[in-house]
Amino acid sequence: MKKLRIAIVGSSGYTGGELFRILLHHPAAEVTAITSERSAGKPITDIFPHLAKLTDLVCESLDPERIAKKADVAFLALPHVTAQEAGYQFHKLGVKVVDLSADYRLSDPAVYEKWYEHCHQYPDLLKSAVYGLPELHRNDIKKASLIANPGCYPTSAILGLSPLLRNKAVDHRTIVVDSKSGVSGAGRSPALPYHYPEANEAFMAYKIGTHRHTPEIEQELSILAGEQVTLNFTPHLVPMNRGILTTIYANMTGKADTGALHRIYDEFYRNEPFVRVLPLGQFPNVRNVRGSNFCDIGVYADPRTGRAVVVTAIDNLVKGASGQAVQNMNIMMGFEETAGLRFAALFP
């Protein structure tokens, strides 16, 4: 059986490495090209030694026309802004694209320009991109040729809030999203805050009120609510390698009944292969999703305050990035949605 040919564009970062790790186990896909501007000419095993004896691919510089001859699908693991041009070129050449940057996530180019301080060069292509959260947009993903893979924080927040907004169970004006992420969420390029002596034994909030994932969360929740949603989102950096734990608070519109709240989530995600609604009284631990494509969710309705409290856990590099990208590719290409993704969490 002929396999789907895959290019990983920007293969030397954490998400590129995770894509390679996952796709090695995919029964219907094969990585046929990898690019890295800084590591062109180097075997990928020099960058990721854990791939030794699993591949002999060598990184090459990005030339869309050359890469397009080797690939049916291109995963773009490139920095924001840079992915705009690559996405356009591959799309023009007839290669299907899954973009892991933020360049095609925000449907309004003016919002993109405000938050990313750069104009969008391809607003028409932006309008045709599909936001790749399968739990909300599966039918559109099936027909897509360009998928905007969601950010890690937005995945954890949107999955946590979607059942509430779809069922109008909370007042959306009262939503607070509090997230904690491992250091790999900042990428692989060296920077002082992520240097070991700076991050180890440290715990801090950052970009309060200004984090670029905020409009992405608000965009998707506004669609669900049928009106503009504006919320407080505060990210934190935690001294662990990977994982995101998000705690969400919002005032309930009805009686604070944990059993009823749990039934809403259980029904909403009943048929979702990668969302696990935990039993009543249990709450997620990032250790239990590390290395997997699962999102674990726990819920509580506080009768004292009248607020819903929702906790989600994902691996920021898998369900928050590369695993979800493969899930999107599977849907787009008509494969079994879980292909290549049927693995448990890494041993704690």
C-alpha atoms as a PDB file:
ATOM      1  CA  MET A   1       0.000   0.000   0.000  1.00  0.00           C
ATOM      2  CA  LYS A   2       1.386   3.384  -1.027  1.00  0.00           C
ATOM      3  CA  LYS A   3       1.874   5.642   1.972  1.00  0.00           C
ATOM      4  CA  LEU A   4       1.020   9.322   2.256  1.00  0.00           C
ATOM      5  CA  ARG A   5       4.197  11.370   1.819  1.00  0.00           C
ATOM      6  CA  ILE A   6       4.880  13.851   4.609  1.00  0.00           C
ATOM      7  CA  ALA A   7       7.164  16.895   4.833  1.00  0.00           C
ATOM      8  CA  ILE A   8       8.013  18.380   8.222  1.00  0.00           C
ATOM      9  CA  VAL A   9       8.967  21.996   7.570  1.00  0.00           C
ATOM     10  CA  GLY A  10      10.943  23.247  10.545  1.00  0.00           C
ATOM     11  CA  SER A  11      11.954  19.902  11.944  1.00  0.00           C
ATOM     12  CA  SER A  12      14.560  20.914  14.521  1.00  0.00           C
ATOM     13  CA  GLY A  13      12.207  22.323  17.180  1.00  0.00           C
ATOM     14  CA  TYR A  14      10.259  20.458  19.833  1.00  0.00           C
ATOM     15  CA  THR A  15       7.077  20.215  17.753  1.00  0.00           C
ATOM     16  CA  GLY A  16       9.037  19.040  14.711  1.00  0.00           C
ATOM     17  CA  GLY A  17      10.690  16.329  16.795  1.00  0.00           C
ATOM     18  CA  GLU A  18       7.343  15.226  18.222  1.00  0.00           C
ATOM     19  CA  LEU A  19       5.825  15.078  14.737  1.00  0.00           C
ATOM     20  CA  PHE A  20       8.627  12.791  13.618  1.00  0.00           C
ATOM     21  CA  ARG A  21       8.247  10.573  16.704  1.00  0.00           C
ATOM     22  CA  ILE A  22       4.495  10.185  16.149  1.00  0.00           C
ATOM     23  CA  LEU A  23       4.605   9.725  12.380  1.00  0.00           C
ATOM     24  CA  LEU A  24       7.174   6.927  12.679  1.00  0.00           C
ATOM     25  CA  HIS A  25       4.309   4.852  14.104  1.00  0.00           C
ATOM     26  CA  HIS A  26       1.675   5.930  11.576  1.00  0.00           C
ATOM     27  CA  PRO A  27       0.489   2.978   9.476  1.00  0.00           C
ATOM     28  CA  ALA A  28      -0.418   5.025   6.387  1.00  0.00           C
ATOM     29  CA  ALA A  29       2.090   7.889   6.342  1.00  0.00           C
ATOM     30  CA  GLU A  30       5.824   8.250   5.802  1.00  0.00           C
ATOM     31  CA  VAL A  31       8.075  11.255   6.431  1.00  0.00           C
ATOM     32  CA  THR A  32       9.867  11.861   3.127  1.00  0.00           C
ATOM     33  CA  ALA A  33      11.328  15.348   3.631  1.00  0.00           C
ATOM     34  CA  ILE A  34      12.458  17.483   6.568  1.00  0.00           C
ATOM     35  CA  THR A  35      13.709  21.056   6.578  1.00  0.00           C
ATOM     36  CA  SER A  36      15.737  23.208   8.930  1.00  0.00           C
ATOM     37  CA  GLU A  37      17.523  26.376   7.911  1.00  0.00           C
ATOM     38  CA  ARG A  38      20.042  26.219  10.744  1.00  0.00           C
ATOM     39  CA  SER A  39      20.661  22.484  10.444  1.00  0.00           C
ATOM     40  CA  ALA A  40      20.576  21.979   6.653  1.00  0.00           C
ATOM     41  CA  GLY A  41      22.859  19.098   5.719  1.00  0.00           C
ATOM     42  CA  LYS A  42      22.654  17.465   9.152  1.00  0.00           C
ATOM     43  CA  PRO A  43      20.958  14.119   9.783  1.00  0.00           C
ATOM     44  CA  ILE A  44      17.877  14.550  11.960  1.00  0.00           C
ATOM     45  CA  THR A  45      19.455  12.050  14.356  1.00  0.00           C
ATOM     46  CA  ASP A  46      22.166  14.623  15.141  1.00  0.00           C
ATOM     47  CA  ILE A  47      19.413  16.903  16.437  1.00  0.00           C
ATOM     48  CA  PHE A  48      17.265  14.208  18.039  1.00  0.00           C
ATOM     49  CA  PRO A  49      19.499  11.264  19.005  1.00  0.00           C
ATOM     50  CA  HIS A  50      16.507   9.255  20.219  1.00  0.00           C
ATOM     51  CA  LEU A  51      15.600   8.757  16.528  1.00  0.00           C
ATOM     52  CA  ALA A  52      18.845   6.848  15.838  1.00  0.00           C
ATOM     53  CA  LYS A  53      18.336   3.710  13.701  1.00  0.00           C
ATOM     54  CA  LEU A  54      14.760   4.812  13.014  1.00  0.00           C
ATOM     55  CA  THR A  55      15.481   7.159  10.085  1.00  0.00           C
ATOM     56  CA  ASP A  56      18.299   8.269   7.819  1.00  0.00           C
ATOM     57  CA  LEU A  57      16.682  11.533   6.654  1.00  0.00           C
ATOM     58  CA  VAL A  58      18.851  14.644   6.388  1.00  0.00           C
ATOM     59  CA  CYS A  59      17.601  18.190   6.939  1.00  0.00           C
ATOM     60  CA  GLU A  60      17.458  20.424   3.893  1.00  0.00           C
ATOM     61  CA  SER A  61      16.772  24.111   3.357  1.00  0.00           C
ATOM     62  CA  LEU A  62      13.230  25.162   2.561  1.00  0.00           C
ATOM     63  CA  ASP A  63      12.463  25.197  -1.146  1.00  0.00           C
ATOM     64  CA  PRO A  64       8.676  24.729  -1.540  1.00  0.00           C
ATOM     65  CA  GLU A  65       8.866  23.602  -5.168  1.00  0.00           C
ATOM     66  CA  ARG A  66      11.476  20.954  -4.393  1.00  0.00           C
ATOM     67  CA  ILE A  67       9.721  19.780  -1.232  1.00  0.00           C
ATOM     68  CA  ALA A  68       6.331  19.675  -2.987  1.00  0.00           C
ATOM     69  CA  LYS A  69       7.668  16.989  -5.340  1.00  0.00           C
ATOM     70  CA  LYS A  70       8.301  14.760  -2.328  1.00  0.00           C
ATOM     71  CA  ALA A  71       5.205  15.422  -0.222  1.00  0.00           C
ATOM     72  CA  ASP A  72       1.424  15.246  -0.264  1.00  0.00           C
ATOM     73  CA  VAL A  73       1.056  16.986   3.105  1.00  0.00           C
ATOM     74  CA  ALA A  74       3.319  19.588   4.716  1.00  0.00           C
ATOM     75  CA  PHE A  75       3.372  20.202   8.459  1.00  0.00           C
ATOM     76  CA  LEU A  76       4.647  23.716   9.147  1.00  0.00           C
ATOM     77  CA  ALA A  77       6.517  23.860  12.445  1.00  0.00           C
ATOM     78  CA  LEU A  78       7.783  27.365  11.763  1.00  0.00           C
ATOM     79  CA  PRO A  79       7.772  30.612  13.760  1.00  0.00           C
ATOM     80  CA  HIS A  80       4.804  32.953  13.504  1.00  0.00           C
ATOM     81  CA  VAL A  81       4.918  35.255  10.454  1.00  0.00           C
ATOM     82  CA  THR A  82       7.410  32.942   8.698  1.00  0.00           C
ATOM     83  CA  ALA A  83       4.677  30.334   8.184  1.00  0.00           C
ATOM     84  CA  GLN A  84       2.499  32.765   6.213  1.00  0.00           C
ATOM     85  CA  GLU A  85       4.642  32.561   3.096  1.00  0.00           C
ATOM     86  CA  ALA A  86       5.350  28.834   3.401  1.00  0.00           C
ATOM     87  CA  GLY A  87       1.652  28.074   3.831  1.00  0.00           C
ATOM     88  CA  TYR A  88       0.786  30.114   0.766  1.00  0.00           C
ATOM     89  CA  GLN A  89       3.490  28.515  -1.396  1.00  0.00           C
ATOM     90  CA  PHE A  90       2.631  24.934  -0.478  1.00  0.00           C
ATOM     91  CA  HIS A  91      -1.093  25.580  -0.879  1.00  0.00           C
ATOM     92  CA  LYS A  92      -0.455  27.068  -4.329  1.00  0.00           C
ATOM     93  CA  LEU A  93       1.533  23.958  -5.299  1.00  0.00           C
ATOM     94  CA  GLY A  94      -1.348  21.669  -4.360  1.00  0.00           C
ATOM     95  CA  VAL A  95       0.177  20.330  -1.132  1.00  0.00           C
ATOM     96  CA  LYS A  96      -2.196  20.074   1.806  1.00  0.00           C
ATOM     97  CA  VAL A  97      -0.995  22.057   4.809  1.00  0.00           C
ATOM     98  CA  VAL A  98      -1.241  21.697   8.582  1.00  0.00           C
ATOM     99  CA  ASP A  99       0.203  24.880  10.085  1.00  0.00           C
ATOM    100  CA  LEU A 100       1.326  24.648  13.711  1.00  0.00           C
ATOM    101  CA  SER A 101       2.058  28.384  13.972  1.00  0.00           C
ATOM    102  CA  ALA A 102      -0.540  31.066  14.712  1.00  0.00           C
ATOM    103  CA  ASP A 103      -0.460  32.529  11.203  1.00  0.00           C
ATOM    104  CA  TYR A 104      -3.768  31.079  10.008  1.00  0.00           C
ATOM    105  CA  ARG A 105      -5.675  30.703  13.308  1.00  0.00           C
ATOM    106  CA  LEU A 106      -7.286  34.135  13.612  1.00  0.00           C
ATOM    107  CA  SER A 107      -9.983  34.635  10.996  1.00  0.00           C
ATOM    108  CA  ASP A 108      -9.840  38.437  11.164  1.00  0.00           C
ATOM    109  CA  PRO A 109      -6.580  39.822   9.686  1.00  0.00           C
ATOM    110  CA  ALA A 110      -6.986  42.998  11.743  1.00  0.00           C
ATOM    111  CA  VAL A 111      -6.990  40.958  14.961  1.00  0.00           C
ATOM    112  CA  TYR A 112      -3.925  39.065  13.752  1.00  0.00           C
ATOM    113  CA  GLU A 113      -2.106  42.331  13.017  1.00  0.00           C
ATOM    114  CA  LYS A 114      -3.007  43.767  16.433  1.00  0.00           C
ATOM    115  CA  TRP A 115      -1.729  40.790  18.443  1.00  0.00           C
ATOM    116  CA  TYR A 116       1.187  39.690  16.250  1.00  0.00           C
ATOM    117  CA  GLU A 117       2.299  43.172  15.137  1.00  0.00           C
ATOM    118  CA  HIS A 118       2.560  42.120  11.515  1.00  0.00           C
ATOM    119  CA  CYS A 119       0.090  42.437   8.672  1.00  0.00           C
ATOM    120  CA  HIS A 120      -1.249  39.266   7.126  1.00  0.00           C
ATOM    121  CA  GLN A 121       0.020  38.949   3.561  1.00  0.00           C
ATOM    122  CA  TYR A 122      -2.645  36.457   2.446  1.00  0.00           C
ATOM    123  CA  PRO A 123      -6.045  37.472   3.875  1.00  0.00           C
ATOM    124  CA  ASP A 124      -7.960  35.494   1.239  1.00  0.00           C
ATOM    125  CA  LEU A 125      -6.120  32.304   2.138  1.00  0.00           C
ATOM    126  CA  LEU A 126      -6.637  33.115   5.805  1.00  0.00           C
ATOM    127  CA  LYS A 127     -10.404  33.098   5.246  1.00  0.00           C
ATOM    128  CA  SER A 128     -10.257  29.606   3.752  1.00  0.00           C
ATOM    129  CA  ALA A 129      -8.208  28.101   6.607  1.00  0.00           C
ATOM    130  CA  VAL A 130     -10.030  25.784   9.022  1.00  0.00           C
ATOM    131  CA  TYR A 131      -9.356  26.023  12.756  1.00  0.00           C
ATOM    132  CA  GLY A 132      -8.180  22.523  13.592  1.00  0.00           C
ATOM    133  CA  LEU A 133      -9.905  21.613  16.829  1.00  0.00           C
ATOM    134  CA  PRO A 134     -11.508  18.286  15.841  1.00  0.00           C
ATOM    135  CA  GLU A 135     -13.966  18.245  18.719  1.00  0.00           C
ATOM    136  CA  LEU A 136     -15.602  21.391  17.298  1.00  0.00           C
ATOM    137  CA  HIS A 137     -14.766  21.481  13.578  1.00  0.00           C
ATOM    138  CA  ARG A 138     -14.442  17.881  12.418  1.00  0.00           C
ATOM    139  CA  ASN A 139     -16.752  18.245   9.397  1.00  0.00           C
ATOM    140  CA  ASP A 140     -14.918  21.327   8.127  1.00  0.00           C
ATOM    141  CA  ILE A 141     -11.534  19.662   8.668  1.00  0.00           C
ATOM    142  CA  LYS A 142     -12.620  16.798   6.396  1.00  0.00           C
ATOM    143  CA  LYS A 143     -12.958  19.254   3.497  1.00  0.00           C
ATOM    144  CA  ALA A 144      -9.935  21.421   4.299  1.00  0.00           C
ATOM    145  CA  SER A 145      -6.717  21.926   2.366  1.00  0.00           C
ATOM    146  CA  LEU A 146      -5.182  24.287   4.956  1.00  0.00           C
ATOM    147  CA  ILE A 147      -5.620  23.596   8.657  1.00  0.00           C
ATOM    148  CA  ALA A 148      -4.643  26.042  11.372  1.00  0.00           C
ATOM    149  CA  ASN A 149      -3.562  23.800  14.223  1.00  0.00           C
ATOM    150  CA  PRO A 150      -4.662  25.320  17.566  1.00  0.00           C
ATOM    151  CA  GLY A 151      -2.290  26.661  20.166  1.00  0.00           C
ATOM    152  CA  CYS A 152      -1.578  24.658  23.314  1.00  0.00           C
ATOM    153  CA  TYR A 153      -3.175  27.000  25.840  1.00  0.00           C
ATOM    154  CA  PRO A 154      -6.270  27.514  23.647  1.00  0.00           C
ATOM    155  CA  THR A 155      -6.730  23.755  23.261  1.00  0.00           C
ATOM    156  CA  SER A 156      -6.791  23.301  27.032  1.00  0.00           C
ATOM    157  CA  ALA A 157      -9.121  26.273  27.571  1.00  0.00           C
ATOM    158  CA  ILE A 158     -11.547  25.749  24.678  1.00  0.00           C
ATOM    159  CA  LEU A 159     -12.028  22.047  25.424  1.00  0.00           C
ATOM    160  CA  GLY A 160     -12.656  22.960  29.054  1.00  0.00           C
ATOM    161  CA  LEU A 161     -15.234  25.644  28.245  1.00  0.00           C
ATOM    162  CA  SER A 162     -17.066  24.349  25.162  1.00  0.00           C
ATOM    163  CA  PRO A 163     -19.709  22.259  26.968  1.00  0.00           C
ATOM    164  CA  LEU A 164     -20.489  25.162  29.292  1.00  0.00           C
ATOM    165  CA  LEU A 165     -21.023  27.675  26.499  1.00  0.00           C
ATOM    166  CA  ARG A 166     -22.856  25.281  24.178  1.00  0.00           C
ATOM    167  CA  ASN A 167     -25.326  24.576  27.021  1.00  0.00           C
ATOM    168  CA  LYS A 168     -25.382  28.199  28.294  1.00  0.00           C
ATOM    169  CA  ALA A 169     -24.510  26.839  31.715  1.00  0.00           C
ATOM    170  CA  VAL A 170     -22.360  29.832  32.704  1.00  0.00           C
ATOM    171  CA  ASP A 171     -22.324  33.594  32.321  1.00  0.00           C
ATOM    172  CA  HIS A 172     -19.562  34.057  29.743  1.00  0.00           C
ATOM    173  CA  ARG A 173     -18.796  37.542  31.105  1.00  0.00           C
ATOM    174  CA  THR A 174     -17.360  35.947  34.259  1.00  0.00           C
ATOM    175  CA  ILE A 175     -14.869  33.489  32.734  1.00  0.00           C
ATOM    176  CA  VAL A 176     -11.366  33.298  34.194  1.00  0.00           C
ATOM    177  CA  VAL A 177      -8.782  30.957  32.649  1.00  0.00           C
ATOM    178  CA  ASP A 178      -5.685  30.162  34.724  1.00  0.00           C
ATOM    179  CA  SER A 179      -3.052  27.998  32.992  1.00  0.00           C
ATOM    180  CA  LYS A 180       0.288  26.488  33.975  1.00  0.00           C
ATOM    181  CA  SER A 181       2.701  25.252  31.299  1.00  0.00           C
ATOM    182  CA  GLY A 182       5.955  23.379  31.164  1.00  0.00           C
ATOM    183  CA  VAL A 183       9.021  25.132  29.756  1.00  0.00           C
ATOM    184  CA  SER A 184       8.919  23.345  26.375  1.00  0.00           C
ATOM    185  CA  GLY A 185       5.912  25.515  25.515  1.00  0.00           C
ATOM    186  CA  ALA A 186       8.342  28.372  24.922  1.00  0.00           C
ATOM    187  CA  GLY A 187      10.122  26.469  22.130  1.00  0.00           C
ATOM    188  CA  ARG A 188      13.666  25.209  21.754  1.00  0.00           C
ATOM    189  CA  SER A 189      15.477  28.476  21.006  1.00  0.00           C
ATOM    190  CA  PRO A 190      17.550  29.573  24.014  1.00  0.00           C
ATOM    191  CA  ALA A 191      16.272  32.517  26.058  1.00  0.00           C
ATOM    192  CA  LEU A 192      17.190  33.705  29.549  1.00  0.00           C
ATOM    193  CA  PRO A 193      13.851  32.972  31.321  1.00  0.00           C
ATOM    194  CA  TYR A 194      14.055  29.320  30.220  1.00  0.00           C
ATOM    195  CA  HIS A 195      17.718  28.804  31.144  1.00  0.00           C
ATOM    196  CA  TYR A 196      17.898  26.065  33.815  1.00  0.00           C
ATOM    197  CA  PRO A 197      19.018  28.281  36.748  1.00  0.00           C
ATOM    198  CA  GLU A 198      16.228  30.749  35.904  1.00  0.00           C
ATOM    199  CA  ALA A 199      13.371  28.254  35.464  1.00  0.00           C
ATOM    200  CA  ASN A 200      14.278  25.601  38.025  1.00  0.00           C
ATOM    201  CA  GLU A 201      12.480  26.000  41.364  1.00  0.00           C
ATOM    202  CA  ALA A 202      10.685  29.036  39.921  1.00  0.00           C
ATOM    203  CA  PHE A 203       6.983  29.607  39.294  1.00  0.00           C
ATOM    204  CA  MET A 204       5.665  32.780  37.714  1.00  0.00           C
ATOM    205  CA  ALA A 205       2.790  34.354  35.828  1.00  0.00           C
ATOM    206  CA  TYR A 206       3.694  36.133  32.605  1.00  0.00           C
ATOM    207  CA  LYS A 207       2.141  38.234  29.833  1.00  0.00           C
ATOM    208  CA  ILE A 208      -0.872  38.979  32.008  1.00  0.00           C
ATOM    209  CA  GLY A 209      -3.615  40.423  29.805  1.00  0.00           C
ATOM    210  CA  THR A 210      -1.360  40.432  26.754  1.00  0.00           C
ATOM    211  CA  HIS A 211      -0.742  36.793  25.812  1.00  0.00           C
ATOM    212  CA  ARG A 212      -1.245  36.184  22.087  1.00  0.00           C
ATOM    213  CA  HIS A 213      -3.384  33.103  22.654  1.00  0.00           C
ATOM    214  CA  THR A 214      -6.129  35.253  24.198  1.00  0.00           C
ATOM    215  CA  PRO A 215      -7.860  36.271  20.927  1.00  0.00           C
ATOM    216  CA  GLU A 216      -7.710  32.673  19.712  1.00  0.00           C
ATOM    217  CA  ILE A 217      -9.586  31.465  22.798  1.00  0.00           C
ATOM    218  CA  GLU A 218     -12.091  34.306  22.538  1.00  0.00           C
ATOM    219  CA  GLN A 219     -12.673  33.717  18.812  1.00  0.00           C
ATOM    220  CA  GLU A 220     -13.717  30.086  19.263  1.00  0.00           C
ATOM    221  CA  LEU A 221     -15.748  30.671  22.427  1.00  0.00           C
ATOM    222  CA  SER A 222     -17.597  33.576  20.793  1.00  0.00           C
ATOM    223  CA  ILE A 223     -18.715  31.231  18.007  1.00  0.00           C
ATOM    224  CA  LEU A 224     -20.051  28.800  20.609  1.00  0.00           C
ATOM    225  CA  ALA A 225     -21.747  31.503  22.666  1.00  0.00           C
ATOM    226  CA  GLY A 226     -23.252  33.296  19.669  1.00  0.00           C
ATOM    227  CA  GLU A 227     -21.917  36.618  20.974  1.00  0.00           C
ATOM    228  CA  GLN A 228     -18.605  38.217  21.802  1.00  0.00           C
ATOM    229  CA  VAL A 229     -16.772  36.546  24.674  1.00  0.00           C
ATOM    230  CA  THR A 230     -14.101  38.527  26.522  1.00  0.00           C
ATOM    231  CA  LEU A 231     -12.247  36.809  29.335  1.00  0.00           C
ATOM    232  CA  ASN A 232      -9.268  36.920  31.667  1.00  0.00           C
ATOM    233  CA  PHE A 233      -6.453  34.569  30.668  1.00  0.00           C
ATOM    234  CA  THR A 234      -3.314  34.256  32.777  1.00  0.00           C
ATOM    235  CA  PRO A 235      -0.510  31.837  31.813  1.00  0.00           C
ATOM    236  CA  HIS A 236       2.167  30.631  34.223  1.00  0.00           C
ATOM    237  CA  LEU A 237       5.549  28.981  33.699  1.00  0.00           C
ATOM    238  CA  VAL A 238       6.167  25.849  35.766  1.00  0.00           C
ATOM    239  CA  PRO A 239       9.577  24.119  36.092  1.00  0.00           C
ATOM    240  CA  MET A 240       8.633  20.920  34.273  1.00  0.00           C
ATOM    241  CA  ASN A 241       9.452  19.877  30.721  1.00  0.00           C
ATOM    242  CA  ARG A 242       5.982  19.393  29.296  1.00  0.00           C
ATOM    243  CA  GLY A 243       2.302  19.586  30.130  1.00  0.00           C
ATOM    244  CA  ILE A 244      -0.419  22.186  30.689  1.00  0.00           C
ATOM    245  CA  LEU A 245      -2.844  22.273  33.599  1.00  0.00           C
ATOM    246  CA  THR A 246      -5.669  24.767  33.133  1.00  0.00           C
ATOM    247  CA  THR A 247      -8.213  25.731  35.789  1.00  0.00           C
ATOM    248  CA  ILE A 248     -11.318  27.575  34.630  1.00  0.00           C
ATOM    249  CA  TYR A 249     -13.838  29.515  36.723  1.00  0.00           C
ATOM    250  CA  ALA A 250     -17.200  30.973  35.695  1.00  0.00           C
ATOM    251  CA  ASN A 251     -20.487  31.900  37.372  1.00  0.00           C
ATOM    252  CA  MET A 252     -23.200  29.344  36.697  1.00  0.00           C
ATOM    253  CA  THR A 253     -26.548  30.432  35.264  1.00  0.00           C
ATOM    254  CA  GLY A 254     -28.454  27.769  37.203  1.00  0.00           C
ATOM    255  CA  LYS A 255     -28.105  25.697  40.340  1.00  0.00           C
ATOM    256  CA  ALA A 256     -24.568  24.597  41.215  1.00  0.00           C
ATOM    257  CA  ASP A 257     -25.017  20.836  40.855  1.00  0.00           C
ATOM    258  CA  THR A 258     -21.824  18.866  40.214  1.00  0.00           C
ATOM    259  CA  GLY A 259     -23.681  15.778  39.034  1.00  0.00           C
ATOM    260  CA  ALA A 260     -25.623  17.777  36.436  1.00  0.00           C
ATOM    261  CA  LEU A 261     -22.448  19.571  35.358  1.00  0.00           C
ATOM    262  CA  HIS A 262     -20.622  16.276  34.941  1.00  0.00           C
ATOM    263  CA  ARG A 263     -23.471  14.908  32.787  1.00  0.00           C
ATOM    264  CA  ILE A 264     -23.138  17.909  30.450  1.00  0.00           C
ATOM    265  CA  TYR A 265     -19.454  17.100  29.884  1.00  0.00           C
ATOM    266  CA  ASP A 266     -20.003  13.374  29.643  1.00  0.00           C
ATOM    267  CA  GLU A 267     -22.629  13.848  26.949  1.00  0.00           C
ATOM    268  CA  PHE A 268     -20.659  16.498  25.029  1.00  0.00           C
ATOM    269  CA  TYR A 269     -17.513  14.360  24.782  1.00  0.00           C
ATOM    270  CA  ARG A 270     -19.086  10.898  24.792  1.00  0.00           C
ATOM    271  CA  ASN A 271     -17.815   9.988  21.306  1.00  0.00           C
ATOM    272  CA  GLU A 272     -14.527  11.888  21.344  1.00  0.00           C
ATOM    273  CA  PRO A 273     -11.528   9.559  21.150  1.00  0.00           C
ATOM    274  CA  PHE A 274      -9.071  11.912  22.832  1.00  0.00           C
ATOM    275  CA  VAL A 275     -11.103  13.603  25.564  1.00  0.00           C
ATOM    276  CA  ARG A 276     -11.450  11.781  28.882  1.00  0.00           C
ATOM    277  CA  VAL A 277     -14.036  13.179  31.292  1.00  0.00           C
ATOM    278  CA  LEU A 278     -12.878  11.876  34.653  1.00  0.00           C
ATOM    279  CA  PRO A 279     -15.274  10.316  37.180  1.00  0.00           C
ATOM    280  CA  LEU A 280     -16.941  12.579  39.707  1.00  0.00           C
ATOM    281  CA  GLY A 281     -14.513  13.710  42.374  1.00  0.00           C
ATOM    282  CA  GLN A 282     -11.404  13.117  40.244  1.00  0.00           C
ATOM    283  CA  PHE A 283      -9.275  15.843  38.677  1.00  0.00           C
ATOM    284  CA  PRO A 284      -6.502  15.763  36.058  1.00  0.00           C
ATOM    285  CA  ASN A 285      -2.791  15.436  36.641  1.00  0.00           C
ATOM    286  CA  VAL A 286      -0.420  16.369  33.807  1.00  0.00           C
ATOM    287  CA  ARG A 287       1.606  13.269  34.605  1.00  0.00           C
ATOM    288  CA  ASN A 288      -1.252  11.111  33.314  1.00  0.00           C
ATOM    289  CA  VAL A 289      -1.311  12.708  29.839  1.00  0.00           C
ATOM    290  CA  ARG A 290       2.426  13.257  29.292  1.00  0.00           C
ATOM    291  CA  GLY A 291       3.387  12.062  25.816  1.00  0.00           C
ATOM    292  CA  SER A 292      -0.215  11.228  24.846  1.00  0.00           C
ATOM    293  CA  ASN A 293      -2.868  12.939  22.733  1.00  0.00           C
ATOM    294  CA  PHE A 294      -5.454  12.930  25.514  1.00  0.00           C
ATOM    295  CA  CYS A 295      -7.139  15.866  27.210  1.00  0.00           C
ATOM    296  CA  ASP A 296      -8.334  14.926  30.707  1.00  0.00           C
ATOM    297  CA  ILE A 297     -11.146  16.977  32.259  1.00  0.00           C
ATOM    298  CA  GLY A 298     -12.516  17.173  35.804  1.00  0.00           C
ATOM    299  CA  VAL A 299     -15.457  19.335  36.898  1.00  0.00           C
ATOM    300  CA  TYR A 300     -16.955  20.738  40.090  1.00  0.00           C
ATOM    301  CA  ALA A 301     -19.945  22.995  40.725  1.00  0.00           C
ATOM    302  CA  ASP A 302     -19.282  25.005  43.879  1.00  0.00           C
ATOM    303  CA  PRO A 303     -22.594  25.486  45.758  1.00  0.00           C
ATOM    304  CA  ARG A 304     -21.017  28.053  48.077  1.00  0.00           C
ATOM    305  CA  THR A 305     -19.962  30.487  45.327  1.00  0.00           C
ATOM    306  CA  GLY A 306     -22.250  29.371  42.484  1.00  0.00           C
ATOM    307  CA  ARG A 307     -19.253  28.910  40.200  1.00  0.00           C
ATOM    308  CA  ALA A 308     -18.272  26.101  37.882  1.00  0.00           C
ATOM    309  CA  VAL A 309     -14.674  24.953  38.299  1.00  0.00           C
ATOM    310  CA  VAL A 310     -13.215  22.985  35.382  1.00  0.00           C
ATOM    311  CA  VAL A 311      -9.709  21.524  35.288  1.00  0.00           C
ATOM    312  CA  THR A 312      -8.055  20.259  32.084  1.00  0.00           C
ATOM    313  CA  ALA A 313      -4.694  18.624  31.447  1.00  0.00           C
ATOM    314  CA  ILE A 314      -2.892  18.096  28.138  1.00  0.00           C
ATOM    315  CA  ASP A 315       0.638  17.510  26.915  1.00  0.00           C
ATOM    316  CA  ASN A 316       1.466  20.847  25.279  1.00  0.00           C
ATOM    317  CA  LEU A 317       3.626  19.114  22.644  1.00  0.00           C
ATOM    318  CA  VAL A 318       1.068  16.436  21.698  1.00  0.00           C
ATOM    319  CA  LYS A 319      -2.626  17.341  22.048  1.00  0.00           C
ATOM    320  CA  GLY A 320      -1.363  20.921  22.314  1.00  0.00           C
ATOM    321  CA  ALA A 321       0.621  20.716  19.061  1.00  0.00           C
ATOM    322  CA  SER A 322       2.004  17.735  17.127  1.00  0.00           C
ATOM    323  CA  GLY A 323      -0.450  15.022  18.137  1.00  0.00           C
ATOM    324  CA  GLN A 324      -3.404  17.229  17.329  1.00  0.00           C
ATOM    325  CA  ALA A 325      -1.739  18.093  14.001  1.00  0.00           C
ATOM    326  CA  VAL A 326      -1.604  14.380  13.119  1.00  0.00           C
ATOM    327  CA  GLN A 327      -5.198  13.971  14.299  1.00  0.00           C
ATOM    328  CA  ASN A 328      -6.156  16.778  11.905  1.00  0.00           C
ATOM    329  CA  MET A 329      -4.212  15.187   9.057  1.00  0.00           C
ATOM    330  CA  ASN A 330      -5.990  11.888   9.668  1.00  0.00           C
ATOM    331  CA  ILE A 331      -9.404  13.540   9.415  1.00  0.00           C
ATOM    332  CA  MET A 332      -8.453  15.617   6.368  1.00  0.00           C
ATOM    333  CA  MET A 333      -7.048  12.607   4.506  1.00  0.00           C
ATOM    334  CA  GLY A 334      -9.835  10.190   5.436  1.00  0.00           C
ATOM    335  CA  PHE A 335      -7.735   7.983   7.726  1.00  0.00           C
ATOM    336  CA  GLU A 336      -8.901   6.522  11.012  1.00  0.00           C
ATOM    337  CA  GLU A 337      -8.783   9.547  13.331  1.00  0.00           C
ATOM    338  CA  THR A 338      -6.665   7.799  15.934  1.00  0.00           C
ATOM    339  CA  ALA A 339      -4.099   6.389  13.461  1.00  0.00           C
ATOM    340  CA  GLY A 340      -0.584   6.764  14.830  1.00  0.00           C
ATOM    341  CA  LEU A 341      -1.939   8.205  18.070  1.00  0.00           C
ATOM    342  CA  ARG A 342      -2.971   5.113  19.999  1.00  0.00           C
ATOM    343  CA  PHE A 343      -0.456   5.342  22.810  1.00  0.00           C
ATOM    344  CA  ALA A 344      -0.811   5.877  26.538  1.00  0.00           C
ATOM    345  CA  ALA A 345       0.993   8.494  28.560  1.00  0.00           C
ATOM    346  CA  LEU A 346       4.723   8.107  28.998  1.00  0.00           C
ATOM    347  CA  PHE A 347       5.632   6.261  32.163  1.00  0.00           C
ATOM    348  CA  PRO A 348       5.474   8.867  34.941  1.00  0.00           C
END
